[in-house]
Amino acid sequence: MGPKLLCLVAAALLLSGCSVVRSYVADMDMTGAVKYCEKKRTNPDIAPIAGKLPIVHVDEIIPEMLIIEAVPTETEVAAIRALSRDQRDCRDHIESVAKDHWPTQTAARKELAMKVDLVTAQLLKRNLTYGNANRLMREAALEAEGKFTQDRKEQLAQARLQEVEAWRTIGDGVRAIAGTQKPEPSGDPCTWVDNNVDCRAH
């Protein structure tokens, strides 16, 4: 196998591994960001609203939290302010990771953050019950997740298209190299003569 062909084979192997490596790195980075956010649960300032609002992710919202008809007390307003600070810090940390791996989702993430802030503002003004606040945040998160899913589908389709084009280029290169290489002499005296094999000694 010639050096050019070896280079093309190496490029093919590299191409096959790139998408796997990118996905692995993205998952590892995001896992680290989520762990950073999970530490916020230990903040004693948010203890008064534990079980009334999601602390790290809206997936924490359970049916019982959707029917809480109470508005925040003064003590709980202070806890909501502390939670809001923690959540902003968490969002900034996640954004610093996500923008490198999923830059096209930035707008959807910022839109979700804005909606959560608007809900939080109404809680701070004591104009909103916990149940309605949780419902609004859950709805906003579901809408954002739909946009994330669509974006991931488009990115995957684009990556597959690029991979097909790259493989086509590699295939063209292999065929071009194979067409210019001469077979190595084998020392075998046999050859075709019309439709017969002629093994006369040279």
N, C-alpha and C. Protein backbone atom coordinates (compact mmCIF):
# COMPACT_ATOMS: atom_id res chain seq x y z
N MET A 1 0.86 -1.19 0.00
CA MET A 1 0.00 0.00 0.00
C MET A 1 0.89 1.24 0.00
N GLY A 2 0.65 2.14 -0.98
CA GLY A 2 1.49 3.32 -1.10
C GLY A 2 1.23 4.33 -0.01
N PRO A 3 2.16 5.28 0.15
CA PRO A 3 2.00 6.29 1.21
C PRO A 3 0.76 7.16 1.02
N LYS A 4 0.42 7.46 -0.25
CA LYS A 4 -0.78 8.30 -0.48
C LYS A 4 -2.04 7.57 -0.02
N LEU A 5 -2.08 6.27 -0.36
CA LEU A 5 -3.25 5.49 0.03
C LEU A 5 -3.33 5.36 1.55
N LEU A 6 -2.18 5.21 2.19
CA LEU A 6 -2.16 5.14 3.65
C LEU A 6 -2.70 6.42 4.27
N CYS A 7 -2.33 7.55 3.68
CA CYS A 7 -2.83 8.85 4.18
C CYS A 7 -4.34 8.93 4.06
N LEU A 8 -4.88 8.43 2.95
CA LEU A 8 -6.33 8.48 2.76
C LEU A 8 -7.05 7.56 3.74
N VAL A 9 -6.46 6.39 3.98
CA VAL A 9 -7.05 5.47 4.96
C VAL A 9 -7.04 6.09 6.35
N ALA A 10 -5.92 6.75 6.69
CA ALA A 10 -5.83 7.42 7.99
C ALA A 10 -6.88 8.51 8.10
N ALA A 11 -7.08 9.25 7.01
CA ALA A 11 -8.09 10.32 7.01
C ALA A 11 -9.49 9.74 7.20
N ALA A 12 -9.73 8.58 6.59
CA ALA A 12 -11.04 7.93 6.74
C ALA A 12 -11.29 7.51 8.18
N LEU A 13 -10.26 6.93 8.81
CA LEU A 13 -10.41 6.53 10.21
C LEU A 13 -10.63 7.74 11.12
N LEU A 14 -9.90 8.82 10.83
CA LEU A 14 -10.06 10.04 11.61
C LEU A 14 -11.46 10.60 11.46
N LEU A 15 -11.98 10.57 10.24
CA LEU A 15 -13.33 11.07 9.98
C LEU A 15 -14.36 10.27 10.76
N SER A 16 -14.17 8.94 10.80
CA SER A 16 -15.13 8.09 11.51
C SER A 16 -15.15 8.39 13.00
N GLY A 17 -13.99 8.73 13.55
CA GLY A 17 -13.92 8.95 14.99
C GLY A 17 -14.27 10.34 15.45
N CYS A 18 -14.24 11.31 14.55
CA CYS A 18 -14.42 12.72 14.96
C CYS A 18 -15.77 12.97 15.61
N SER A 19 -16.85 12.49 14.97
CA SER A 19 -18.18 12.77 15.51
C SER A 19 -18.37 12.11 16.87
N VAL A 20 -17.80 10.91 17.06
CA VAL A 20 -17.90 10.22 18.34
C VAL A 20 -17.17 11.00 19.42
N VAL A 21 -15.97 11.48 19.09
CA VAL A 21 -15.17 12.24 20.05
C VAL A 21 -15.86 13.54 20.42
N ARG A 22 -16.40 14.24 19.42
CA ARG A 22 -17.10 15.51 19.69
C ARG A 22 -18.28 15.30 20.63
N SER A 23 -19.05 14.24 20.38
CA SER A 23 -20.21 13.95 21.23
C SER A 23 -19.77 13.62 22.65
N TYR A 24 -18.69 12.85 22.77
CA TYR A 24 -18.19 12.46 24.10
C TYR A 24 -17.73 13.68 24.88
N VAL A 25 -16.97 14.55 24.21
CA VAL A 25 -16.45 15.76 24.88
C VAL A 25 -17.61 16.66 25.32
N ALA A 26 -18.60 16.82 24.44
CA ALA A 26 -19.76 17.66 24.77
C ALA A 26 -20.50 17.11 25.99
N ASP A 27 -20.70 15.80 26.02
CA ASP A 27 -21.39 15.17 27.15
C ASP A 27 -20.61 15.35 28.45
N MET A 28 -19.29 15.18 28.38
CA MET A 28 -18.46 15.32 29.57
C MET A 28 -18.48 16.76 30.09
N ASP A 29 -18.37 17.72 29.15
CA ASP A 29 -18.39 19.13 29.55
C ASP A 29 -19.72 19.51 30.20
N MET A 30 -20.82 19.03 29.61
CA MET A 30 -22.13 19.37 30.15
C MET A 30 -22.37 18.69 31.50
N THR A 31 -21.85 17.48 31.65
CA THR A 31 -21.96 16.79 32.94
C THR A 31 -21.27 17.59 34.04
N GLY A 32 -20.11 18.15 33.71
CA GLY A 32 -19.40 18.99 34.68
C GLY A 32 -20.18 20.24 35.03
N ALA A 33 -20.83 20.85 34.03
CA ALA A 33 -21.62 22.05 34.27
C ALA A 33 -22.82 21.75 35.16
N VAL A 34 -23.47 20.62 34.91
CA VAL A 34 -24.63 20.24 35.72
C VAL A 34 -24.22 19.97 37.17
N LYS A 35 -23.07 19.34 37.36
CA LYS A 35 -22.57 19.10 38.72
C LYS A 35 -22.32 20.42 39.44
N TYR A 36 -21.82 21.40 38.70
CA TYR A 36 -21.60 22.73 39.28
C TYR A 36 -22.93 23.31 39.78
N CYS A 37 -23.96 23.16 38.96
CA CYS A 37 -25.28 23.68 39.33
C CYS A 37 -25.89 22.92 40.50
N GLU A 38 -25.65 21.62 40.55
CA GLU A 38 -26.21 20.80 41.63
C GLU A 38 -25.74 21.26 43.01
N LYS A 39 -24.55 21.85 43.07
CA LYS A 39 -24.02 22.32 44.35
C LYS A 39 -24.88 23.44 44.94
N LYS A 40 -25.66 24.11 44.07
CA LYS A 40 -26.51 25.21 44.54
C LYS A 40 -27.60 24.72 45.50
N ARG A 41 -27.91 23.45 45.46
CA ARG A 41 -28.97 22.91 46.33
C ARG A 41 -28.62 23.07 47.81
N THR A 42 -27.34 23.15 48.11
CA THR A 42 -26.91 23.21 49.51
C THR A 42 -26.97 24.63 50.08
N ASN A 43 -27.36 25.61 49.26
CA ASN A 43 -27.45 26.99 49.74
C ASN A 43 -28.58 27.09 50.78
N PRO A 44 -28.26 27.40 52.03
CA PRO A 44 -29.32 27.46 53.06
C PRO A 44 -30.31 28.60 52.84
N ASP A 45 -29.93 29.60 52.05
CA ASP A 45 -30.83 30.74 51.82
C ASP A 45 -32.07 30.36 51.02
N ILE A 46 -32.01 29.24 50.28
CA ILE A 46 -33.16 28.86 49.47
C ILE A 46 -34.02 27.79 50.15
N ALA A 47 -33.66 27.42 51.36
CA ALA A 47 -34.40 26.37 52.08
C ALA A 47 -35.91 26.64 52.20
N PRO A 48 -36.34 27.90 52.42
CA PRO A 48 -37.78 28.15 52.59
C PRO A 48 -38.63 27.81 51.37
N ILE A 49 -38.03 27.72 50.19
CA ILE A 49 -38.85 27.44 48.99
C ILE A 49 -38.56 26.04 48.42
N ALA A 50 -37.84 25.23 49.17
CA ALA A 50 -37.59 23.86 48.72
C ALA A 50 -38.91 23.12 48.55
N GLY A 51 -39.09 22.48 47.41
CA GLY A 51 -40.33 21.76 47.13
C GLY A 51 -41.43 22.63 46.57
N LYS A 52 -41.20 23.93 46.50
CA LYS A 52 -42.21 24.84 45.94
C LYS A 52 -41.83 25.32 44.54
N LEU A 53 -40.51 25.42 44.29
CA LEU A 53 -40.00 25.83 42.98
C LEU A 53 -38.84 24.91 42.60
N PRO A 54 -38.61 24.72 41.29
CA PRO A 54 -37.45 23.93 40.88
C PRO A 54 -36.16 24.66 41.24
N ILE A 55 -35.17 23.93 41.69
CA ILE A 55 -33.91 24.55 42.11
C ILE A 55 -32.90 24.58 40.97
N VAL A 56 -32.75 23.45 40.27
CA VAL A 56 -31.74 23.37 39.20
C VAL A 56 -32.39 23.25 37.83
N HIS A 57 -33.42 22.40 37.72
CA HIS A 57 -34.03 22.14 36.40
C HIS A 57 -35.54 22.00 36.55
N VAL A 58 -36.25 22.41 35.49
CA VAL A 58 -37.72 22.35 35.55
C VAL A 58 -38.25 20.93 35.63
N ASP A 59 -37.42 19.94 35.31
CA ASP A 59 -37.86 18.55 35.44
C ASP A 59 -38.17 18.18 36.89
N GLU A 60 -37.73 19.02 37.81
CA GLU A 60 -38.01 18.79 39.23
C GLU A 60 -39.48 19.06 39.57
N ILE A 61 -40.17 19.75 38.68
CA ILE A 61 -41.58 20.10 38.95
C ILE A 61 -42.45 18.85 38.89
N ILE A 62 -43.12 18.56 39.97
CA ILE A 62 -44.02 17.41 40.05
C ILE A 62 -45.46 17.93 40.12
N PRO A 63 -46.46 17.07 39.88
CA PRO A 63 -47.85 17.53 39.86
C PRO A 63 -48.26 18.33 41.09
N GLU A 64 -47.80 17.92 42.27
CA GLU A 64 -48.17 18.64 43.49
C GLU A 64 -47.71 20.10 43.46
N MET A 65 -46.61 20.35 42.77
CA MET A 65 -46.09 21.72 42.70
C MET A 65 -46.91 22.60 41.75
N LEU A 66 -47.71 21.96 40.90
CA LEU A 66 -48.54 22.71 39.96
C LEU A 66 -49.86 23.18 40.58
N ILE A 67 -50.16 22.70 41.78
CA ILE A 67 -51.44 23.07 42.40
C ILE A 67 -51.24 23.86 43.69
N ILE A 68 -50.03 24.37 43.90
CA ILE A 68 -49.79 25.20 45.09
C ILE A 68 -50.42 26.57 44.84
N GLU A 69 -51.44 26.91 45.61
CA GLU A 69 -52.19 28.14 45.37
C GLU A 69 -51.66 29.33 46.17
N ALA A 70 -50.66 29.10 46.97
CA ALA A 70 -50.11 30.18 47.81
C ALA A 70 -49.17 31.06 47.01
N VAL A 71 -49.15 32.35 47.38
CA VAL A 71 -48.15 33.27 46.84
C VAL A 71 -47.01 33.34 47.86
N PRO A 72 -45.83 33.77 47.43
CA PRO A 72 -44.68 33.79 48.36
C PRO A 72 -44.90 34.72 49.55
N THR A 73 -44.42 34.31 50.68
CA THR A 73 -44.39 35.18 51.87
C THR A 73 -43.16 36.08 51.77
N GLU A 74 -43.04 37.03 52.69
CA GLU A 74 -41.87 37.92 52.68
C GLU A 74 -40.57 37.12 52.83
N THR A 75 -40.60 36.16 53.72
CA THR A 75 -39.41 35.31 53.91
C THR A 75 -39.08 34.54 52.64
N GLU A 76 -40.11 34.05 51.98
CA GLU A 76 -39.91 33.28 50.75
C GLU A 76 -39.44 34.16 49.60
N VAL A 77 -39.84 35.43 49.59
CA VAL A 77 -39.36 36.36 48.56
C VAL A 77 -37.84 36.49 48.64
N ALA A 78 -37.32 36.58 49.85
CA ALA A 78 -35.87 36.65 50.03
C ALA A 78 -35.20 35.37 49.52
N ALA A 79 -35.84 34.24 49.75
CA ALA A 79 -35.31 32.96 49.26
C ALA A 79 -35.35 32.89 47.73
N ILE A 80 -36.41 33.45 47.15
CA ILE A 80 -36.53 33.47 45.68
C ILE A 80 -35.43 34.34 45.07
N ARG A 81 -35.11 35.45 45.74
CA ARG A 81 -34.00 36.30 45.26
C ARG A 81 -32.69 35.51 45.27
N ALA A 82 -32.45 34.78 46.34
CA ALA A 82 -31.23 33.97 46.43
C ALA A 82 -31.21 32.89 45.35
N LEU A 83 -32.37 32.26 45.13
CA LEU A 83 -32.47 31.23 44.09
C LEU A 83 -32.21 31.83 42.71
N SER A 84 -32.75 33.01 42.46
CA SER A 84 -32.55 33.68 41.18
C SER A 84 -31.07 33.96 40.93
N ARG A 85 -30.36 34.40 41.96
CA ARG A 85 -28.91 34.65 41.81
C ARG A 85 -28.18 33.35 41.48
N ASP A 86 -28.54 32.29 42.19
CA ASP A 86 -27.90 30.99 41.93
C ASP A 86 -28.20 30.50 40.52
N GLN A 87 -29.44 30.67 40.09
CA GLN A 87 -29.82 30.20 38.76
C GLN A 87 -29.13 30.99 37.66
N ARG A 88 -28.96 32.29 37.86
CA ARG A 88 -28.23 33.08 36.86
C ARG A 88 -26.78 32.62 36.76
N ASP A 89 -26.17 32.38 37.91
CA ASP A 89 -24.79 31.88 37.92
C ASP A 89 -24.71 30.53 37.22
N CYS A 90 -25.68 29.68 37.49
CA CYS A 90 -25.73 28.36 36.86
C CYS A 90 -25.91 28.49 35.34
N ARG A 91 -26.82 29.36 34.91
CA ARG A 91 -27.06 29.55 33.48
C ARG A 91 -25.81 30.06 32.78
N ASP A 92 -25.11 31.00 33.42
CA ASP A 92 -23.88 31.54 32.82
C ASP A 92 -22.84 30.43 32.66
N HIS A 93 -22.76 29.56 33.65
CA HIS A 93 -21.79 28.46 33.60
C HIS A 93 -22.15 27.48 32.48
N ILE A 94 -23.42 27.15 32.37
CA ILE A 94 -23.86 26.23 31.32
C ILE A 94 -23.68 26.87 29.95
N GLU A 95 -23.97 28.16 29.85
CA GLU A 95 -23.82 28.85 28.56
C GLU A 95 -22.37 28.85 28.10
N SER A 96 -21.44 29.01 29.03
CA SER A 96 -20.02 29.02 28.67
C SER A 96 -19.59 27.68 28.08
N VAL A 97 -20.27 26.61 28.48
CA VAL A 97 -19.98 25.28 27.94
C VAL A 97 -20.77 25.05 26.65
N ALA A 98 -22.05 25.35 26.68
CA ALA A 98 -22.94 25.04 25.56
C ALA A 98 -22.61 25.81 24.30
N LYS A 99 -22.14 27.05 24.43
CA LYS A 99 -21.88 27.86 23.24
C LYS A 99 -20.79 27.27 22.37
N ASP A 100 -19.88 26.47 22.97
CA ASP A 100 -18.81 25.85 22.19
C ASP A 100 -19.29 24.61 21.45
N HIS A 101 -20.28 23.93 21.99
CA HIS A 101 -20.76 22.68 21.39
C HIS A 101 -22.05 22.86 20.59
N TRP A 102 -22.92 23.75 21.05
CA TRP A 102 -24.21 23.96 20.37
C TRP A 102 -24.46 25.46 20.20
N PRO A 103 -23.62 26.14 19.43
CA PRO A 103 -23.75 27.61 19.30
C PRO A 103 -25.07 28.06 18.69
N THR A 104 -25.68 27.20 17.87
CA THR A 104 -26.93 27.60 17.22
C THR A 104 -28.12 27.56 18.17
N GLN A 105 -27.93 27.05 19.39
CA GLN A 105 -29.02 27.00 20.37
C GLN A 105 -28.99 28.18 21.34
N THR A 106 -28.04 29.07 21.15
CA THR A 106 -27.87 30.19 22.08
C THR A 106 -29.14 31.03 22.20
N ALA A 107 -29.76 31.35 21.07
CA ALA A 107 -30.95 32.20 21.09
C ALA A 107 -32.08 31.54 21.88
N ALA A 108 -32.28 30.24 21.69
CA ALA A 108 -33.34 29.53 22.41
C ALA A 108 -33.05 29.48 23.91
N ARG A 109 -31.77 29.31 24.26
CA ARG A 109 -31.42 29.29 25.69
C ARG A 109 -31.66 30.66 26.33
N LYS A 110 -31.32 31.73 25.62
CA LYS A 110 -31.52 33.08 26.15
C LYS A 110 -33.01 33.40 26.27
N GLU A 111 -33.79 32.93 25.31
CA GLU A 111 -35.24 33.15 25.37
C GLU A 111 -35.84 32.45 26.59
N LEU A 112 -35.41 31.22 26.83
CA LEU A 112 -35.90 30.49 28.00
C LEU A 112 -35.50 31.20 29.29
N ALA A 113 -34.26 31.67 29.35
CA ALA A 113 -33.78 32.38 30.55
C ALA A 113 -34.61 33.64 30.80
N MET A 114 -34.95 34.35 29.72
CA MET A 114 -35.76 35.57 29.86
C MET A 114 -37.15 35.23 30.42
N LYS A 115 -37.75 34.16 29.93
CA LYS A 115 -39.09 33.78 30.40
C LYS A 115 -39.06 33.38 31.87
N VAL A 116 -38.01 32.65 32.26
CA VAL A 116 -37.88 32.27 33.67
C VAL A 116 -37.71 33.52 34.53
N ASP A 117 -36.94 34.49 34.05
CA ASP A 117 -36.75 35.73 34.80
C ASP A 117 -38.06 36.51 34.93
N LEU A 118 -38.88 36.49 33.88
CA LEU A 118 -40.17 37.19 33.94
C LEU A 118 -41.09 36.54 34.97
N VAL A 119 -41.09 35.22 35.01
CA VAL A 119 -41.89 34.52 36.01
C VAL A 119 -41.38 34.83 37.41
N THR A 120 -40.05 34.82 37.56
CA THR A 120 -39.44 35.12 38.86
C THR A 120 -39.81 36.53 39.32
N ALA A 121 -39.83 37.47 38.38
CA ALA A 121 -40.17 38.85 38.72
C ALA A 121 -41.58 38.94 39.30
N GLN A 122 -42.51 38.19 38.72
CA GLN A 122 -43.88 38.20 39.24
C GLN A 122 -43.98 37.54 40.62
N LEU A 123 -43.15 36.53 40.84
CA LEU A 123 -43.10 35.92 42.17
C LEU A 123 -42.56 36.91 43.20
N LEU A 124 -41.54 37.65 42.81
CA LEU A 124 -40.96 38.63 43.73
C LEU A 124 -41.97 39.72 44.08
N LYS A 125 -42.84 40.03 43.12
CA LYS A 125 -43.89 41.04 43.37
C LYS A 125 -45.10 40.42 44.08
N ARG A 126 -45.04 39.11 44.27
CA ARG A 126 -46.11 38.37 44.94
C ARG A 126 -47.42 38.46 44.16
N ASN A 127 -47.31 38.52 42.85
CA ASN A 127 -48.48 38.58 41.97
C ASN A 127 -48.85 37.21 41.40
N LEU A 128 -48.06 36.20 41.72
CA LEU A 128 -48.22 34.90 41.07
C LEU A 128 -48.14 33.79 42.12
N THR A 129 -49.01 32.79 41.96
CA THR A 129 -48.93 31.64 42.87
C THR A 129 -47.79 30.73 42.43
N TYR A 130 -47.35 29.90 43.35
CA TYR A 130 -46.30 28.94 43.02
C TYR A 130 -46.76 27.99 41.91
N GLY A 131 -48.02 27.56 42.00
CA GLY A 131 -48.55 26.63 41.00
C GLY A 131 -48.50 27.19 39.60
N ASN A 132 -48.97 28.44 39.44
CA ASN A 132 -48.94 29.07 38.12
C ASN A 132 -47.52 29.33 37.65
N ALA A 133 -46.65 29.71 38.58
CA ALA A 133 -45.25 29.94 38.22
C ALA A 133 -44.61 28.66 37.68
N ASN A 134 -44.87 27.55 38.34
CA ASN A 134 -44.31 26.28 37.89
C ASN A 134 -44.86 25.87 36.54
N ARG A 135 -46.15 26.11 36.33
CA ARG A 135 -46.76 25.78 35.04
C ARG A 135 -46.13 26.60 33.92
N LEU A 136 -45.97 27.90 34.15
CA LEU A 136 -45.38 28.77 33.13
C LEU A 136 -43.94 28.38 32.81
N MET A 137 -43.18 28.04 33.83
CA MET A 137 -41.79 27.64 33.60
C MET A 137 -41.72 26.31 32.86
N ARG A 138 -42.63 25.40 33.20
CA ARG A 138 -42.65 24.10 32.52
C ARG A 138 -43.01 24.27 31.05
N GLU A 139 -43.98 25.12 30.77
CA GLU A 139 -44.38 25.36 29.38
C GLU A 139 -43.25 26.01 28.58
N ALA A 140 -42.56 26.97 29.19
CA ALA A 140 -41.44 27.63 28.52
C ALA A 140 -40.32 26.64 28.23
N ALA A 141 -40.06 25.75 29.17
CA ALA A 141 -39.00 24.75 28.99
C ALA A 141 -39.34 23.76 27.89
N LEU A 142 -40.61 23.36 27.81
CA LEU A 142 -41.04 22.43 26.76
C LEU A 142 -40.90 23.07 25.38
N GLU A 143 -41.25 24.35 25.28
CA GLU A 143 -41.10 25.05 24.01
C GLU A 143 -39.62 25.13 23.61
N ALA A 144 -38.77 25.44 24.57
CA ALA A 144 -37.33 25.52 24.29
C ALA A 144 -36.78 24.15 23.89
N GLU A 145 -37.24 23.10 24.55
CA GLU A 145 -36.76 21.75 24.23
C GLU A 145 -37.12 21.36 22.81
N GLY A 146 -38.31 21.79 22.36
CA GLY A 146 -38.70 21.54 20.97
C GLY A 146 -37.73 22.20 20.00
N LYS A 147 -37.32 23.42 20.32
CA LYS A 147 -36.36 24.13 19.47
C LYS A 147 -35.00 23.46 19.51
N PHE A 148 -34.59 23.00 20.70
CA PHE A 148 -33.30 22.30 20.81
C PHE A 148 -33.31 21.02 19.97
N THR A 149 -34.43 20.29 20.04
CA THR A 149 -34.53 19.03 19.30
C THR A 149 -34.45 19.27 17.80
N GLN A 150 -35.16 20.28 17.32
CA GLN A 150 -35.13 20.61 15.90
C GLN A 150 -33.73 21.02 15.47
N ASP A 151 -33.07 21.80 16.31
CA ASP A 151 -31.71 22.24 16.00
C ASP A 151 -30.76 21.05 15.93
N ARG A 152 -30.90 20.11 16.87
CA ARG A 152 -30.04 18.93 16.86
C ARG A 152 -30.27 18.09 15.61
N LYS A 153 -31.53 17.98 15.17
CA LYS A 153 -31.82 17.24 13.94
C LYS A 153 -31.14 17.89 12.74
N GLU A 154 -31.21 19.22 12.67
CA GLU A 154 -30.59 19.93 11.56
C GLU A 154 -29.07 19.79 11.59
N GLN A 155 -28.49 19.87 12.79
CA GLN A 155 -27.04 19.72 12.90
C GLN A 155 -26.61 18.31 12.51
N LEU A 156 -27.39 17.31 12.91
CA LEU A 156 -27.07 15.93 12.58
C LEU A 156 -27.15 15.70 11.08
N ALA A 157 -28.19 16.25 10.45
CA ALA A 157 -28.33 16.11 9.00
C ALA A 157 -27.16 16.77 8.28
N GLN A 158 -26.76 17.95 8.76
CA GLN A 158 -25.63 18.66 8.15
C GLN A 158 -24.34 17.87 8.33
N ALA A 159 -24.15 17.30 9.52
CA ALA A 159 -22.93 16.51 9.78
C ALA A 159 -22.89 15.28 8.88
N ARG A 160 -24.04 14.64 8.70
CA ARG A 160 -24.09 13.45 7.83
C ARG A 160 -23.78 13.82 6.39
N LEU A 161 -24.31 14.95 5.94
CA LEU A 161 -24.04 15.41 4.58
C LEU A 161 -22.56 15.68 4.39
N GLN A 162 -21.95 16.34 5.37
CA GLN A 162 -20.51 16.63 5.29
C GLN A 162 -19.70 15.34 5.30
N GLU A 163 -20.15 14.36 6.09
CA GLU A 163 -19.42 13.09 6.14
C GLU A 163 -19.52 12.35 4.82
N VAL A 164 -20.71 12.37 4.20
CA VAL A 164 -20.88 11.72 2.89
C VAL A 164 -19.96 12.37 1.86
N GLU A 165 -19.91 13.71 1.87
CA GLU A 165 -19.05 14.42 0.92
C GLU A 165 -17.58 14.08 1.17
N ALA A 166 -17.21 13.99 2.45
CA ALA A 166 -15.81 13.68 2.77
C ALA A 166 -15.46 12.26 2.31
N TRP A 167 -16.38 11.32 2.55
CA TRP A 167 -16.12 9.95 2.11
C TRP A 167 -16.04 9.88 0.59
N ARG A 168 -16.87 10.65 -0.10
CA ARG A 168 -16.84 10.66 -1.56
C ARG A 168 -15.48 11.17 -2.05
N THR A 169 -14.99 12.23 -1.40
CA THR A 169 -13.68 12.77 -1.76
C THR A 169 -12.58 11.75 -1.53
N ILE A 170 -12.65 11.06 -0.38
CA ILE A 170 -11.65 10.03 -0.08
C ILE A 170 -11.72 8.90 -1.11
N GLY A 171 -12.95 8.49 -1.47
CA GLY A 171 -13.10 7.44 -2.47
C GLY A 171 -12.52 7.83 -3.81
N ASP A 172 -12.77 9.09 -4.21
CA ASP A 172 -12.20 9.58 -5.47
C ASP A 172 -10.68 9.54 -5.42
N GLY A 173 -10.13 9.91 -4.25
CA GLY A 173 -8.68 9.90 -4.10
C GLY A 173 -8.11 8.49 -4.18
N VAL A 174 -8.80 7.54 -3.53
CA VAL A 174 -8.35 6.14 -3.57
C VAL A 174 -8.37 5.61 -4.99
N ARG A 175 -9.45 5.90 -5.73
CA ARG A 175 -9.54 5.41 -7.11
C ARG A 175 -8.47 6.04 -7.98
N ALA A 176 -8.21 7.33 -7.75
CA ALA A 176 -7.18 8.01 -8.54
C ALA A 176 -5.80 7.41 -8.28
N ILE A 177 -5.52 7.16 -7.00
CA ILE A 177 -4.21 6.58 -6.65
C ILE A 177 -4.11 5.15 -7.17
N ALA A 178 -5.18 4.37 -7.02
CA ALA A 178 -5.15 2.98 -7.49
C ALA A 178 -4.96 2.91 -9.00
N GLY A 179 -5.49 3.89 -9.71
CA GLY A 179 -5.34 3.90 -11.16
C GLY A 179 -3.94 4.22 -11.63
N THR A 180 -3.16 4.90 -10.81
CA THR A 180 -1.81 5.29 -11.22
C THR A 180 -0.74 4.33 -10.72
N GLN A 181 -1.10 3.44 -9.78
CA GLN A 181 -0.11 2.52 -9.24
C GLN A 181 -0.01 1.27 -10.10
N LYS A 182 1.21 0.82 -10.32
CA LYS A 182 1.45 -0.41 -11.08
C LYS A 182 1.54 -1.57 -10.10
N PRO A 183 0.99 -2.72 -10.47
CA PRO A 183 1.09 -3.86 -9.57
C PRO A 183 2.54 -4.30 -9.39
N GLU A 184 2.88 -4.72 -8.21
CA GLU A 184 4.24 -5.17 -7.94
C GLU A 184 4.47 -6.53 -8.61
N PRO A 185 5.64 -6.74 -9.16
CA PRO A 185 5.92 -8.03 -9.81
C PRO A 185 5.87 -9.17 -8.79
N SER A 186 5.20 -10.24 -9.16
CA SER A 186 5.03 -11.36 -8.23
C SER A 186 6.01 -12.49 -8.47
N GLY A 187 6.68 -12.49 -9.61
CA GLY A 187 7.58 -13.59 -9.93
C GLY A 187 6.84 -14.79 -10.49
N ASP A 188 5.52 -14.69 -10.62
CA ASP A 188 4.71 -15.78 -11.17
C ASP A 188 4.75 -15.68 -12.70
N PRO A 189 5.22 -16.73 -13.40
CA PRO A 189 5.34 -16.65 -14.86
C PRO A 189 4.01 -16.86 -15.58
N CYS A 190 2.96 -17.23 -14.86
CA CYS A 190 1.68 -17.52 -15.51
C CYS A 190 1.01 -16.24 -15.99
N THR A 191 0.33 -16.34 -17.13
CA THR A 191 -0.39 -15.20 -17.68
C THR A 191 -1.52 -15.71 -18.56
N TRP A 192 -2.42 -14.82 -18.92
CA TRP A 192 -3.51 -15.19 -19.81
C TRP A 192 -3.05 -15.13 -21.27
N VAL A 193 -3.40 -16.15 -22.01
CA VAL A 193 -3.22 -16.16 -23.46
C VAL A 193 -4.56 -16.55 -24.05
N ASP A 194 -5.21 -15.59 -24.68
CA ASP A 194 -6.60 -15.76 -25.09
C ASP A 194 -7.43 -16.15 -23.86
N ASN A 195 -8.05 -17.34 -23.89
CA ASN A 195 -8.85 -17.77 -22.74
C ASN A 195 -8.16 -18.85 -21.92
N ASN A 196 -6.88 -19.00 -22.10
CA ASN A 196 -6.13 -20.03 -21.41
C ASN A 196 -5.04 -19.43 -20.54
N VAL A 197 -4.68 -20.14 -19.48
CA VAL A 197 -3.58 -19.73 -18.62
C VAL A 197 -2.30 -20.36 -19.16
N ASP A 198 -1.32 -19.50 -19.44
CA ASP A 198 -0.04 -19.97 -19.97
C ASP A 198 1.02 -19.80 -18.89
N CYS A 199 1.57 -20.91 -18.41
CA CYS A 199 2.57 -20.87 -17.35
C CYS A 199 3.94 -21.28 -17.88
N ARG A 200 4.26 -20.89 -19.06
CA ARG A 200 5.57 -21.22 -19.61
C ARG A 200 6.65 -20.50 -18.82
N ALA A 201 7.70 -21.16 -18.55
CA ALA A 201 8.83 -20.55 -17.83
C ALA A 201 9.47 -19.49 -18.68
N HIS A 202 9.84 -18.35 -18.02
CA HIS A 202 10.48 -17.24 -18.76
C HIS A 202 11.96 -17.48 -18.83
